[in-house]
Amino acid sequence: MSDIQKKIGRQIEESPIILYMKGSKEAPQCGFSAQVVNILNFYRVDYETVDVLLDPEVRQGIKDYSQWPTLPQLYVNGNFIGGCDICTDMHVNGELGEILTGDAES
């Protein structure tokens, strides 16, 4: 496992909710990232973001880590949730809210 993969793994492990995105939650740099930020803000949950535009190694590394080709990428409690389309669909059907607020049935 490369150093960047280890770094990403630590970030995901240490942050209950983390979004790898273009830009920051204060200033998203693409529409897809902005959409997921808006969804997370809707639930008023604390979350971390990683701006992949600041580091090309992280930008590629997160894609390799998840084996998912696009950004943004949302992780909750160490689990890869998905990108913008998946997060949006899960938000609309209520599933994402259950995951984020801990109301999901085990």
N, C-alpha and C. Protein backbone atom coordinates (compact mmCIF):
# COMPACT_ATOMS: atom_id res chain seq x y z
N MET A 1 0.85 -1.18 0.00
CA MET A 1 0.00 0.00 0.00
C MET A 1 0.89 1.24 0.00
N SER A 2 0.58 2.16 -0.87
CA SER A 2 1.39 3.37 -1.00
C SER A 2 1.16 4.31 0.19
N ASP A 3 2.06 5.27 0.33
CA ASP A 3 1.92 6.25 1.40
C ASP A 3 0.62 7.04 1.26
N ILE A 4 0.25 7.39 0.04
CA ILE A 4 -0.98 8.16 -0.16
C ILE A 4 -2.20 7.33 0.22
N GLN A 5 -2.17 6.04 -0.07
CA GLN A 5 -3.28 5.16 0.31
C GLN A 5 -3.38 5.07 1.83
N LYS A 6 -2.24 4.99 2.50
CA LYS A 6 -2.24 4.96 3.97
C LYS A 6 -2.78 6.26 4.54
N LYS A 7 -2.38 7.38 3.95
CA LYS A 7 -2.86 8.70 4.40
C LYS A 7 -4.38 8.79 4.24
N ILE A 8 -4.88 8.39 3.11
CA ILE A 8 -6.32 8.42 2.85
C ILE A 8 -7.05 7.50 3.83
N GLY A 9 -6.51 6.32 4.04
CA GLY A 9 -7.11 5.38 4.98
C GLY A 9 -7.20 5.96 6.39
N ARG A 10 -6.15 6.66 6.83
CA ARG A 10 -6.17 7.31 8.15
C ARG A 10 -7.22 8.41 8.20
N GLN A 11 -7.30 9.22 7.15
CA GLN A 11 -8.29 10.30 7.12
C GLN A 11 -9.71 9.74 7.25
N ILE A 12 -9.98 8.69 6.51
CA ILE A 12 -11.31 8.08 6.52
C ILE A 12 -11.60 7.46 7.88
N GLU A 13 -10.60 6.84 8.47
CA GLU A 13 -10.76 6.20 9.78
C GLU A 13 -10.98 7.24 10.88
N GLU A 14 -10.30 8.37 10.78
CA GLU A 14 -10.35 9.38 11.84
C GLU A 14 -11.54 10.33 11.75
N SER A 15 -12.20 10.38 10.61
CA SER A 15 -13.32 11.31 10.41
C SER A 15 -14.61 10.53 10.19
N PRO A 16 -15.58 10.67 11.11
CA PRO A 16 -16.83 9.93 10.93
C PRO A 16 -17.53 10.22 9.61
N ILE A 17 -17.47 11.49 9.16
CA ILE A 17 -18.05 11.85 7.86
C ILE A 17 -17.00 12.69 7.14
N ILE A 18 -16.57 12.21 5.97
CA ILE A 18 -15.55 12.94 5.22
C ILE A 18 -15.91 12.92 3.74
N LEU A 19 -15.74 14.09 3.13
CA LEU A 19 -16.07 14.26 1.72
C LEU A 19 -14.81 14.68 0.96
N TYR A 20 -14.41 13.87 0.01
CA TYR A 20 -13.32 14.22 -0.91
C TYR A 20 -13.97 14.95 -2.06
N MET A 21 -13.54 16.20 -2.27
CA MET A 21 -14.25 17.06 -3.21
C MET A 21 -13.31 18.04 -3.87
N LYS A 22 -13.84 18.74 -4.85
CA LYS A 22 -13.11 19.84 -5.49
C LYS A 22 -13.50 21.12 -4.76
N GLY A 23 -12.52 21.72 -4.08
CA GLY A 23 -12.79 22.90 -3.27
C GLY A 23 -13.02 22.53 -1.83
N SER A 24 -13.67 23.43 -1.11
CA SER A 24 -13.98 23.22 0.31
C SER A 24 -15.47 23.38 0.53
N LYS A 25 -15.94 23.02 1.72
CA LYS A 25 -17.36 23.18 1.98
C LYS A 25 -17.77 24.64 1.97
N GLU A 26 -16.81 25.52 2.28
CA GLU A 26 -17.10 26.95 2.22
C GLU A 26 -17.09 27.49 0.78
N ALA A 27 -16.34 26.83 -0.10
CA ALA A 27 -16.20 27.29 -1.48
C ALA A 27 -16.01 26.12 -2.43
N PRO A 28 -17.09 25.35 -2.69
CA PRO A 28 -16.98 24.24 -3.64
C PRO A 28 -16.55 24.75 -5.02
N GLN A 29 -15.74 23.94 -5.71
CA GLN A 29 -15.21 24.35 -7.01
C GLN A 29 -15.83 23.59 -8.18
N CYS A 30 -16.90 22.84 -7.92
CA CYS A 30 -17.65 22.23 -9.02
C CYS A 30 -19.08 21.99 -8.55
N GLY A 31 -19.97 21.89 -9.49
CA GLY A 31 -21.38 21.73 -9.17
C GLY A 31 -21.69 20.44 -8.43
N PHE A 32 -21.01 19.36 -8.77
CA PHE A 32 -21.27 18.08 -8.11
C PHE A 32 -20.84 18.14 -6.64
N SER A 33 -19.67 18.74 -6.39
CA SER A 33 -19.22 18.91 -5.01
C SER A 33 -20.18 19.81 -4.24
N ALA A 34 -20.62 20.89 -4.87
CA ALA A 34 -21.57 21.80 -4.22
C ALA A 34 -22.87 21.09 -3.87
N GLN A 35 -23.33 20.22 -4.74
CA GLN A 35 -24.57 19.47 -4.48
C GLN A 35 -24.44 18.62 -3.23
N VAL A 36 -23.33 17.89 -3.09
CA VAL A 36 -23.16 17.03 -1.92
C VAL A 36 -22.97 17.87 -0.65
N VAL A 37 -22.26 18.98 -0.75
CA VAL A 37 -22.12 19.89 0.40
C VAL A 37 -23.51 20.38 0.83
N ASN A 38 -24.34 20.77 -0.12
CA ASN A 38 -25.69 21.23 0.22
C ASN A 38 -26.50 20.14 0.91
N ILE A 39 -26.36 18.91 0.46
CA ILE A 39 -27.06 17.79 1.09
C ILE A 39 -26.56 17.60 2.52
N LEU A 40 -25.26 17.57 2.71
CA LEU A 40 -24.71 17.39 4.06
C LEU A 40 -25.13 18.53 4.97
N ASN A 41 -25.11 19.75 4.46
CA ASN A 41 -25.53 20.90 5.26
C ASN A 41 -27.01 20.82 5.64
N PHE A 42 -27.81 20.25 4.78
CA PHE A 42 -29.23 20.06 5.06
C PHE A 42 -29.43 19.27 6.36
N TYR A 43 -28.57 18.27 6.57
CA TYR A 43 -28.69 17.41 7.76
C TYR A 43 -28.00 18.00 9.00
N ARG A 44 -27.30 19.11 8.81
CA ARG A 44 -26.61 19.79 9.92
C ARG A 44 -25.68 18.84 10.69
N VAL A 45 -24.95 18.04 9.94
CA VAL A 45 -23.97 17.14 10.55
C VAL A 45 -22.58 17.75 10.43
N ASP A 46 -21.72 17.40 11.37
CA ASP A 46 -20.33 17.81 11.28
C ASP A 46 -19.63 16.89 10.29
N TYR A 47 -18.85 17.47 9.41
CA TYR A 47 -18.11 16.66 8.45
C TYR A 47 -16.84 17.37 8.04
N GLU A 48 -15.89 16.58 7.62
CA GLU A 48 -14.61 17.09 7.13
C GLU A 48 -14.63 17.04 5.61
N THR A 49 -13.83 17.90 5.00
CA THR A 49 -13.65 17.84 3.56
C THR A 49 -12.16 17.81 3.24
N VAL A 50 -11.84 17.21 2.12
CA VAL A 50 -10.49 17.20 1.60
C VAL A 50 -10.57 17.75 0.18
N ASP A 51 -9.84 18.84 -0.05
CA ASP A 51 -9.82 19.47 -1.37
C ASP A 51 -8.80 18.74 -2.25
N VAL A 52 -9.30 17.95 -3.18
CA VAL A 52 -8.42 17.16 -4.04
C VAL A 52 -7.67 18.03 -5.04
N LEU A 53 -8.11 19.26 -5.23
CA LEU A 53 -7.41 20.15 -6.17
C LEU A 53 -6.07 20.62 -5.61
N LEU A 54 -5.89 20.51 -4.30
CA LEU A 54 -4.64 20.95 -3.68
C LEU A 54 -3.51 19.94 -3.83
N ASP A 55 -3.85 18.68 -4.12
CA ASP A 55 -2.84 17.64 -4.18
C ASP A 55 -3.22 16.59 -5.23
N PRO A 56 -2.51 16.59 -6.38
CA PRO A 56 -2.82 15.61 -7.43
C PRO A 56 -2.71 14.16 -6.96
N GLU A 57 -1.81 13.91 -6.00
CA GLU A 57 -1.67 12.54 -5.48
C GLU A 57 -2.95 12.10 -4.76
N VAL A 58 -3.53 12.99 -3.98
CA VAL A 58 -4.78 12.67 -3.28
C VAL A 58 -5.91 12.54 -4.29
N ARG A 59 -5.93 13.40 -5.29
CA ARG A 59 -6.98 13.36 -6.31
C ARG A 59 -7.03 12.00 -6.99
N GLN A 60 -5.88 11.48 -7.37
CA GLN A 60 -5.85 10.15 -7.99
C GLN A 60 -5.95 9.06 -6.93
N GLY A 61 -5.32 9.31 -5.79
CA GLY A 61 -5.27 8.29 -4.74
C GLY A 61 -6.64 7.90 -4.22
N ILE A 62 -7.55 8.87 -4.08
CA ILE A 62 -8.88 8.53 -3.57
C ILE A 62 -9.65 7.71 -4.59
N LYS A 63 -9.43 7.97 -5.87
CA LYS A 63 -10.07 7.17 -6.92
C LYS A 63 -9.57 5.73 -6.88
N ASP A 64 -8.26 5.57 -6.67
CA ASP A 64 -7.68 4.23 -6.56
C ASP A 64 -8.17 3.54 -5.29
N TYR A 65 -8.24 4.29 -4.21
CA TYR A 65 -8.65 3.74 -2.91
C TYR A 65 -10.05 3.15 -2.98
N SER A 66 -10.96 3.89 -3.58
CA SER A 66 -12.36 3.47 -3.63
C SER A 66 -12.68 2.62 -4.85
N GLN A 67 -11.78 2.65 -5.83
CA GLN A 67 -12.04 2.05 -7.14
C GLN A 67 -13.30 2.67 -7.76
N TRP A 68 -13.44 3.98 -7.55
CA TRP A 68 -14.55 4.77 -8.08
C TRP A 68 -13.93 5.91 -8.88
N PRO A 69 -14.34 6.12 -10.13
CA PRO A 69 -13.60 7.04 -11.00
C PRO A 69 -13.90 8.53 -10.86
N THR A 70 -14.94 8.90 -10.12
CA THR A 70 -15.34 10.30 -10.10
C THR A 70 -15.32 10.90 -8.70
N LEU A 71 -15.37 12.22 -8.68
CA LEU A 71 -15.43 12.99 -7.44
C LEU A 71 -16.69 13.85 -7.51
N PRO A 72 -17.25 14.19 -6.37
CA PRO A 72 -16.82 13.95 -5.00
C PRO A 72 -17.07 12.50 -4.57
N GLN A 73 -16.50 12.17 -3.40
CA GLN A 73 -16.71 10.86 -2.80
C GLN A 73 -16.99 11.05 -1.32
N LEU A 74 -18.08 10.46 -0.86
CA LEU A 74 -18.49 10.58 0.54
C LEU A 74 -18.25 9.28 1.28
N TYR A 75 -17.66 9.41 2.47
CA TYR A 75 -17.45 8.27 3.37
C TYR A 75 -18.12 8.58 4.70
N VAL A 76 -18.84 7.60 5.24
CA VAL A 76 -19.47 7.73 6.54
C VAL A 76 -19.08 6.51 7.38
N ASN A 77 -18.51 6.79 8.54
CA ASN A 77 -18.06 5.73 9.45
C ASN A 77 -17.18 4.70 8.73
N GLY A 78 -16.29 5.19 7.89
CA GLY A 78 -15.35 4.33 7.19
C GLY A 78 -15.88 3.66 5.95
N ASN A 79 -17.15 3.85 5.66
CA ASN A 79 -17.78 3.19 4.50
C ASN A 79 -17.94 4.17 3.35
N PHE A 80 -17.58 3.72 2.16
CA PHE A 80 -17.78 4.53 0.96
C PHE A 80 -19.27 4.55 0.64
N ILE A 81 -19.85 5.75 0.58
CA ILE A 81 -21.27 5.90 0.27
C ILE A 81 -21.46 6.07 -1.23
N GLY A 82 -20.70 6.98 -1.84
CA GLY A 82 -20.81 7.17 -3.28
C GLY A 82 -20.50 8.60 -3.66
N GLY A 83 -20.80 8.89 -4.92
CA GLY A 83 -20.59 10.22 -5.46
C GLY A 83 -21.87 11.03 -5.44
N CYS A 84 -21.90 12.05 -6.25
CA CYS A 84 -23.02 13.00 -6.24
C CYS A 84 -24.35 12.32 -6.57
N ASP A 85 -24.42 11.56 -7.64
CA ASP A 85 -25.68 10.94 -8.04
C ASP A 85 -26.22 10.00 -6.97
N ILE A 86 -25.33 9.17 -6.42
CA ILE A 86 -25.75 8.22 -5.39
C ILE A 86 -26.20 8.96 -4.13
N CYS A 87 -25.42 9.95 -3.70
CA CYS A 87 -25.78 10.73 -2.52
C CYS A 87 -27.12 11.43 -2.72
N THR A 88 -27.34 11.99 -3.91
CA THR A 88 -28.59 12.67 -4.20
C THR A 88 -29.76 11.70 -4.17
N ASP A 89 -29.61 10.54 -4.79
CA ASP A 89 -30.67 9.53 -4.78
C ASP A 89 -30.97 9.06 -3.36
N MET A 90 -29.92 8.84 -2.57
CA MET A 90 -30.09 8.38 -1.20
C MET A 90 -30.74 9.47 -0.34
N HIS A 91 -30.44 10.72 -0.62
CA HIS A 91 -31.06 11.84 0.09
C HIS A 91 -32.55 11.88 -0.23
N VAL A 92 -32.90 11.76 -1.50
CA VAL A 92 -34.29 11.85 -1.92
C VAL A 92 -35.12 10.72 -1.31
N ASN A 93 -34.55 9.51 -1.25
CA ASN A 93 -35.33 8.38 -0.72
C ASN A 93 -35.22 8.23 0.80
N GLY A 94 -34.46 9.11 1.45
CA GLY A 94 -34.37 9.10 2.91
C GLY A 94 -33.26 8.25 3.49
N GLU A 95 -32.63 7.45 2.66
CA GLU A 95 -31.61 6.53 3.15
C GLU A 95 -30.38 7.25 3.69
N LEU A 96 -29.95 8.32 3.02
CA LEU A 96 -28.76 9.04 3.46
C LEU A 96 -28.99 9.69 4.82
N GLY A 97 -30.15 10.27 5.02
CA GLY A 97 -30.47 10.87 6.31
C GLY A 97 -30.39 9.87 7.44
N GLU A 98 -30.87 8.67 7.20
CA GLU A 98 -30.80 7.61 8.21
C GLU A 98 -29.36 7.26 8.54
N ILE A 99 -28.52 7.18 7.51
CA ILE A 99 -27.10 6.87 7.73
C ILE A 99 -26.40 7.99 8.48
N LEU A 100 -26.64 9.23 8.07
CA LEU A 100 -25.95 10.36 8.65
C LEU A 100 -26.37 10.65 10.09
N THR A 101 -27.64 10.42 10.39
CA THR A 101 -28.13 10.75 11.72
C THR A 101 -28.16 9.54 12.65
N GLY A 102 -27.77 8.38 12.13
CA GLY A 102 -27.71 7.19 12.97
C GLY A 102 -29.05 6.54 13.20
N ASP A 103 -30.05 6.88 12.38
CA ASP A 103 -31.38 6.31 12.56
C ASP A 103 -31.61 5.08 11.71
N ALA A 104 -30.58 4.62 11.02
CA ALA A 104 -30.75 3.44 10.16
C ALA A 104 -30.90 2.19 11.01
N GLU A 105 -31.75 1.30 10.58
CA GLU A 105 -31.93 0.03 11.26
C GLU A 105 -30.74 -0.86 10.96
N SER A 106 -30.25 -1.54 11.97
CA SER A 106 -29.07 -2.42 11.78
C SER A 106 -29.49 -3.75 11.22
